[in-house]
Amino acid sequence: MAFGTDRSALTGILAGSETAMKRVALVLLALAALGAAACSPRDAGKKAIVARCLAGAEDEKVCDCQAQASAEKLDQELFDLVVLGAKGEEGEVAARAEELTPELQNKFSLLIPEIKQECESAAALSAS
């Protein structure tokens, strides 16, 4: 039998290749999803918070703590405000802050000082 003359064998090989390609595609999609999860918008936001904090001559531990605590404690809308502020978008922050519901404004005004105090206290304790 010459190469390529047996159609049933070729069809079997191609069918096997198609199944293998589907598996490869599924694995690649899963890896892409994991990669996207690892580089979530919250991670990018935390990096912006840390960068701004360090630029203000704060201790690195305090900056890391503030970024992490903000990501954990703030709703997405409030976290986005902090990130905008960290990026120097004060005008946008002011406009969005005015649009917050009274409940979110209250939550924001309570959590930000709490996060700041918590992180400064933790850094002071670890330094002692």
Protein backbone atom coordinates (compact mmCIF):
# COMPACT_ATOMS: atom_id res chain seq x y z
CA MET A 1 0.00 0.00 0.00
CA ALA A 2 1.43 3.37 -1.01
CA PHE A 3 1.43 6.29 1.39
CA GLY A 4 -1.82 8.21 1.21
CA THR A 5 -3.78 5.61 -0.71
CA ASP A 6 -5.67 4.14 2.23
CA ARG A 7 -8.44 6.66 2.96
CA SER A 8 -9.77 4.88 6.04
CA ALA A 9 -6.36 4.95 7.71
CA LEU A 10 -5.93 8.61 6.83
CA THR A 11 -9.41 9.42 8.14
CA GLY A 12 -8.60 7.62 11.39
CA ILE A 13 -5.36 9.55 11.80
CA LEU A 14 -7.07 12.86 11.10
CA ALA A 15 -9.91 12.04 13.47
CA GLY A 16 -7.37 11.21 16.17
CA SER A 17 -5.55 14.45 15.42
CA GLU A 18 -8.79 16.39 15.68
CA THR A 19 -9.49 14.92 19.11
CA ALA A 20 -5.92 15.63 20.20
CA MET A 21 -6.17 19.19 18.89
CA LYS A 22 -9.40 19.69 20.82
CA ARG A 23 -7.65 18.51 23.96
CA VAL A 24 -4.71 20.82 23.30
CA ALA A 25 -7.11 23.72 22.71
CA LEU A 26 -8.93 22.99 25.99
CA VAL A 27 -5.65 22.86 27.90
CA LEU A 28 -4.54 26.15 26.34
CA LEU A 29 -7.87 27.78 27.24
CA ALA A 30 -7.56 26.54 30.82
CA LEU A 31 -4.01 27.89 31.07
CA ALA A 32 -5.11 31.23 29.64
CA ALA A 33 -7.92 31.42 32.19
CA LEU A 34 -5.49 30.69 35.01
CA GLY A 35 -3.11 33.32 33.69
CA ALA A 36 -5.91 35.86 33.51
CA ALA A 37 -6.95 35.06 37.06
CA ALA A 38 -3.38 35.48 38.27
CA CYS A 39 -3.21 38.91 36.64
CA SER A 40 -6.58 40.16 37.74
CA PRO A 41 -7.52 43.84 37.74
CA ARG A 42 -7.19 43.79 41.52
CA ASP A 43 -3.53 42.75 41.15
CA ALA A 44 -2.87 45.64 38.79
CA GLY A 45 -4.70 47.96 41.18
CA LYS A 46 -2.66 46.76 44.14
CA LYS A 47 0.53 47.48 42.20
CA ALA A 48 -0.68 51.02 41.49
CA ILE A 49 -1.49 51.57 45.17
CA VAL A 50 1.92 50.31 46.27
CA ALA A 51 3.73 52.44 43.67
CA ARG A 52 1.95 55.63 44.77
CA CYS A 53 2.45 54.82 48.42
CA LEU A 54 6.19 54.20 47.95
CA ALA A 55 6.46 57.43 45.95
CA GLY A 56 5.12 59.16 49.05
CA ALA A 57 8.08 57.78 51.03
CA GLU A 58 6.00 55.32 53.03
CA ASP A 59 7.43 52.09 54.40
CA GLU A 60 7.16 49.19 51.95
CA LYS A 61 5.38 47.00 54.52
CA VAL A 62 2.77 49.71 55.07
CA CYS A 63 2.27 50.10 51.32
CA ASP A 64 1.90 46.37 50.72
CA CYS A 65 -0.52 46.12 53.61
CA GLN A 66 -2.64 49.02 52.38
CA ALA A 67 -2.86 47.54 48.89
CA GLN A 68 -3.79 44.09 50.19
CA ALA A 69 -6.27 45.38 52.75
CA SER A 70 -7.91 47.64 50.16
CA ALA A 71 -8.29 44.72 47.76
CA GLU A 72 -9.80 42.55 50.49
CA LYS A 73 -12.04 45.01 52.30
CA LEU A 74 -13.33 47.38 49.63
CA ASP A 75 -16.13 46.71 47.17
CA GLN A 76 -14.97 46.82 43.56
CA GLU A 77 -16.36 50.33 43.06
CA LEU A 78 -14.55 51.66 46.12
CA PHE A 79 -11.35 49.81 45.25
CA ASP A 80 -11.48 51.37 41.78
CA LEU A 81 -11.68 54.83 43.40
CA VAL A 82 -8.57 54.14 45.46
CA VAL A 83 -6.73 52.89 42.37
CA LEU A 84 -7.76 55.99 40.39
CA GLY A 85 -6.43 58.14 43.22
CA ALA A 86 -3.20 56.15 43.22
CA LYS A 87 -2.88 56.81 39.51
CA GLY A 88 -3.28 60.56 40.09
CA GLU A 89 -6.79 60.83 38.66
CA GLU A 90 -8.10 63.14 41.39
CA GLY A 91 -10.72 64.79 39.18
CA GLU A 92 -12.18 61.43 38.20
CA VAL A 93 -12.12 60.29 41.81
CA ALA A 94 -14.06 63.39 42.90
CA ALA A 95 -16.65 62.92 40.15
CA ARG A 96 -17.16 59.23 40.93
CA ALA A 97 -17.22 59.81 44.68
CA GLU A 98 -20.15 62.21 44.25
CA GLU A 99 -22.05 59.48 42.41
CA LEU A 100 -21.66 56.94 45.21
CA THR A 101 -24.72 56.00 47.21
CA PRO A 102 -24.76 57.39 50.76
CA GLU A 103 -24.13 53.86 52.05
CA LEU A 104 -20.98 53.47 49.94
CA GLN A 105 -19.80 56.98 50.82
CA ASN A 106 -20.16 56.08 54.50
CA LYS A 107 -18.43 52.75 54.05
CA PHE A 108 -15.57 54.43 52.18
CA SER A 109 -15.13 57.13 54.82
CA LEU A 110 -14.96 54.46 57.55
CA LEU A 111 -12.79 51.86 55.83
CA ILE A 112 -10.02 54.05 54.42
CA PRO A 113 -8.87 55.41 57.81
CA GLU A 114 -9.31 51.91 59.29
CA ILE A 115 -7.06 50.38 56.62
CA LYS A 116 -4.46 53.11 57.05
CA GLN A 117 -4.39 52.73 60.84
CA GLU A 118 -4.33 48.94 60.69
CA CYS A 119 -1.35 48.91 58.32
CA GLU A 120 0.62 51.59 60.16
CA SER A 121 0.07 49.75 63.46
CA ALA A 122 1.12 46.42 61.96
CA ALA A 123 4.28 47.96 60.53
CA ALA A 124 5.11 49.64 63.85
CA LEU A 125 4.68 46.35 65.71
CA SER A 126 6.88 44.46 63.28
CA ALA A 127 9.57 47.14 63.56
CA SER A 128 9.72 46.82 67.36
